[in-house]
Amino acid sequence: MNAPQSLDGWQAASAIEVCASQLRMAQGRVVGLDLNAWMLACESTGLDKATAIDLFPAVEAGLMSAFQNED
């Protein structure tokens, strides 16, 4: 149902799994995803840099939404 539809999608999904715990914190709260960790994780899965940069805002927004829904 929500499975990636392309090789880039699968590589990005793998990168999310690798770096989902690499968070930026401020005053004990999650404020975002660490960009350096994201880029390294994307590199390790073979996702090209341009695609990784394009996907970062959406990945970070989805992660933040998930954290907000936990409260």
N, C-alpha and C. Protein backbone atom coordinates (compact mmCIF):
# COMPACT_ATOMS: atom_id res chain seq x y z
N MET A 1 0.82 -1.18 0.00
CA MET A 1 0.00 0.00 0.00
C MET A 1 0.87 1.26 0.00
N ASN A 2 1.77 1.40 0.97
CA ASN A 2 2.65 2.56 1.03
C ASN A 2 4.07 2.21 0.62
N ALA A 3 4.23 1.12 -0.08
CA ALA A 3 5.57 0.69 -0.48
C ALA A 3 6.13 1.64 -1.53
N PRO A 4 7.44 1.86 -1.49
CA PRO A 4 8.07 2.70 -2.51
C PRO A 4 7.80 2.14 -3.91
N GLN A 5 7.72 3.05 -4.87
CA GLN A 5 7.39 2.66 -6.23
C GLN A 5 8.59 2.69 -7.19
N SER A 6 9.76 3.03 -6.68
CA SER A 6 10.94 3.13 -7.53
C SER A 6 12.18 2.72 -6.75
N LEU A 7 13.27 2.55 -7.48
CA LEU A 7 14.55 2.24 -6.82
C LEU A 7 14.95 3.36 -5.88
N ASP A 8 14.78 4.63 -6.33
CA ASP A 8 15.08 5.76 -5.45
C ASP A 8 14.23 5.70 -4.18
N GLY A 9 12.98 5.32 -4.33
CA GLY A 9 12.09 5.21 -3.17
C GLY A 9 12.56 4.15 -2.19
N TRP A 10 12.98 3.01 -2.71
CA TRP A 10 13.48 1.93 -1.84
C TRP A 10 14.77 2.34 -1.15
N GLN A 11 15.64 3.04 -1.87
CA GLN A 11 16.89 3.50 -1.27
C GLN A 11 16.61 4.52 -0.18
N ALA A 12 15.66 5.43 -0.42
CA ALA A 12 15.31 6.42 0.59
C ALA A 12 14.69 5.75 1.81
N ALA A 13 13.83 4.76 1.59
CA ALA A 13 13.22 4.03 2.71
C ALA A 13 14.29 3.34 3.55
N SER A 14 15.28 2.78 2.89
CA SER A 14 16.39 2.15 3.61
C SER A 14 17.17 3.18 4.41
N ALA A 15 17.40 4.35 3.83
CA ALA A 15 18.12 5.41 4.52
C ALA A 15 17.35 5.88 5.75
N ILE A 16 16.04 5.96 5.64
CA ILE A 16 15.21 6.36 6.78
C ILE A 16 15.39 5.38 7.92
N GLU A 17 15.38 4.10 7.62
CA GLU A 17 15.57 3.08 8.66
C GLU A 17 16.94 3.21 9.32
N VAL A 18 17.95 3.51 8.51
CA VAL A 18 19.32 3.61 9.03
C VAL A 18 19.48 4.82 9.97
N CYS A 19 18.89 5.95 9.61
CA CYS A 19 19.20 7.17 10.37
C CYS A 19 18.01 7.74 11.15
N ALA A 20 16.93 7.01 11.28
CA ALA A 20 15.75 7.53 11.97
C ALA A 20 16.01 7.93 13.42
N SER A 21 17.03 7.36 14.02
CA SER A 21 17.32 7.71 15.41
C SER A 21 18.35 8.84 15.52
N GLN A 22 18.81 9.35 14.40
CA GLN A 22 19.80 10.43 14.39
C GLN A 22 19.05 11.77 14.34
N LEU A 23 18.67 12.24 15.51
CA LEU A 23 17.79 13.40 15.59
C LEU A 23 18.51 14.63 16.10
N ARG A 24 18.01 15.79 15.70
CA ARG A 24 18.48 17.05 16.28
C ARG A 24 17.57 17.34 17.46
N MET A 25 18.18 17.66 18.59
CA MET A 25 17.43 17.90 19.82
C MET A 25 17.70 19.31 20.33
N ALA A 26 16.70 19.89 20.99
CA ALA A 26 16.86 21.18 21.66
C ALA A 26 15.95 21.18 22.88
N GLN A 27 16.51 21.45 24.01
CA GLN A 27 15.77 21.50 25.27
C GLN A 27 14.95 20.24 25.49
N GLY A 28 15.57 19.11 25.18
CA GLY A 28 14.93 17.82 25.42
C GLY A 28 13.83 17.44 24.44
N ARG A 29 13.70 18.19 23.37
CA ARG A 29 12.67 17.90 22.37
C ARG A 29 13.30 17.66 21.00
N VAL A 30 12.66 16.82 20.22
CA VAL A 30 13.12 16.57 18.86
C VAL A 30 12.74 17.78 18.00
N VAL A 31 13.74 18.32 17.29
CA VAL A 31 13.48 19.46 16.43
C VAL A 31 13.76 19.16 14.95
N GLY A 32 14.21 17.97 14.66
CA GLY A 32 14.45 17.60 13.27
C GLY A 32 15.36 16.40 13.13
N LEU A 33 15.63 16.08 11.89
CA LEU A 33 16.51 14.97 11.54
C LEU A 33 17.88 15.53 11.21
N ASP A 34 18.92 14.85 11.63
CA ASP A 34 20.28 15.30 11.37
C ASP A 34 20.61 15.13 9.89
N LEU A 35 20.87 16.25 9.22
CA LEU A 35 21.14 16.23 7.78
C LEU A 35 22.38 15.42 7.44
N ASN A 36 23.44 15.55 8.23
CA ASN A 36 24.66 14.79 7.95
C ASN A 36 24.42 13.29 8.03
N ALA A 37 23.67 12.86 9.03
CA ALA A 37 23.35 11.44 9.15
C ALA A 37 22.51 10.99 7.97
N TRP A 38 21.56 11.83 7.55
CA TRP A 38 20.71 11.50 6.41
C TRP A 38 21.56 11.32 5.14
N MET A 39 22.48 12.25 4.91
CA MET A 39 23.30 12.16 3.71
C MET A 39 24.20 10.93 3.73
N LEU A 40 24.79 10.62 4.88
CA LEU A 40 25.62 9.41 4.99
C LEU A 40 24.79 8.15 4.79
N ALA A 41 23.59 8.12 5.35
CA ALA A 41 22.72 6.95 5.18
C ALA A 41 22.31 6.80 3.72
N CYS A 42 22.00 7.90 3.06
CA CYS A 42 21.64 7.83 1.64
C CYS A 42 22.81 7.36 0.80
N GLU A 43 23.99 7.86 1.11
CA GLU A 43 25.19 7.42 0.40
C GLU A 43 25.41 5.92 0.56
N SER A 44 25.18 5.43 1.78
CA SER A 44 25.40 4.00 2.04
C SER A 44 24.38 3.12 1.32
N THR A 45 23.21 3.66 0.99
CA THR A 45 22.20 2.87 0.27
C THR A 45 22.29 3.05 -1.24
N GLY A 46 23.16 3.99 -1.68
CA GLY A 46 23.34 4.19 -3.11
C GLY A 46 22.46 5.29 -3.70
N LEU A 47 21.71 5.99 -2.87
CA LEU A 47 20.86 7.08 -3.35
C LEU A 47 21.73 8.27 -3.70
N ASP A 48 21.52 8.86 -4.88
CA ASP A 48 22.37 9.98 -5.27
C ASP A 48 22.08 11.23 -4.43
N LYS A 49 23.08 12.11 -4.36
CA LYS A 49 23.01 13.29 -3.49
C LYS A 49 21.86 14.21 -3.83
N ALA A 50 21.63 14.45 -5.10
CA ALA A 50 20.57 15.37 -5.49
C ALA A 50 19.20 14.87 -5.04
N THR A 51 18.96 13.60 -5.20
CA THR A 51 17.69 13.01 -4.76
C THR A 51 17.59 13.06 -3.24
N ALA A 52 18.68 12.75 -2.56
CA ALA A 52 18.68 12.78 -1.09
C ALA A 52 18.34 14.17 -0.58
N ILE A 53 18.93 15.19 -1.18
CA ILE A 53 18.66 16.57 -0.76
C ILE A 53 17.20 16.92 -1.05
N ASP A 54 16.68 16.51 -2.21
CA ASP A 54 15.29 16.80 -2.55
C ASP A 54 14.32 16.14 -1.59
N LEU A 55 14.64 14.93 -1.13
CA LEU A 55 13.74 14.18 -0.26
C LEU A 55 13.82 14.60 1.21
N PHE A 56 14.93 15.21 1.61
CA PHE A 56 15.14 15.51 3.02
C PHE A 56 13.99 16.28 3.68
N PRO A 57 13.49 17.36 3.11
CA PRO A 57 12.41 18.10 3.79
C PRO A 57 11.16 17.24 4.04
N ALA A 58 10.80 16.41 3.08
CA ALA A 58 9.62 15.56 3.25
C ALA A 58 9.86 14.48 4.30
N VAL A 59 11.05 13.91 4.29
CA VAL A 59 11.39 12.88 5.28
C VAL A 59 11.38 13.48 6.68
N GLU A 60 12.00 14.65 6.83
CA GLU A 60 12.04 15.31 8.13
C GLU A 60 10.63 15.68 8.59
N ALA A 61 9.80 16.19 7.69
CA ALA A 61 8.43 16.56 8.05
C ALA A 61 7.62 15.34 8.48
N GLY A 62 7.80 14.23 7.78
CA GLY A 62 7.10 13.00 8.16
C GLY A 62 7.54 12.49 9.52
N LEU A 63 8.82 12.55 9.77
CA LEU A 63 9.36 12.12 11.07
C LEU A 63 8.83 12.99 12.19
N MET A 64 8.83 14.31 11.96
CA MET A 64 8.33 15.23 12.98
C MET A 64 6.84 15.02 13.22
N SER A 65 6.09 14.75 12.18
CA SER A 65 4.66 14.48 12.33
C SER A 65 4.43 13.23 13.16
N ALA A 66 5.24 12.21 12.94
CA ALA A 66 5.13 10.98 13.72
C ALA A 66 5.40 11.25 15.20
N PHE A 67 6.43 12.05 15.48
CA PHE A 67 6.73 12.38 16.87
C PHE A 67 5.60 13.19 17.51
N GLN A 68 5.00 14.11 16.79
CA GLN A 68 3.93 14.92 17.32
C GLN A 68 2.69 14.09 17.58
N ASN A 69 2.45 13.07 16.78
CA ASN A 69 1.28 12.21 16.97
C ASN A 69 1.44 11.26 18.15
N GLU A 70 2.68 11.09 18.64
CA GLU A 70 2.93 10.23 19.81
C GLU A 70 2.42 10.88 21.07
N ASP A 71 2.42 12.22 21.11
CA ASP A 71 2.04 12.94 22.34
C ASP A 71 0.58 12.84 22.65
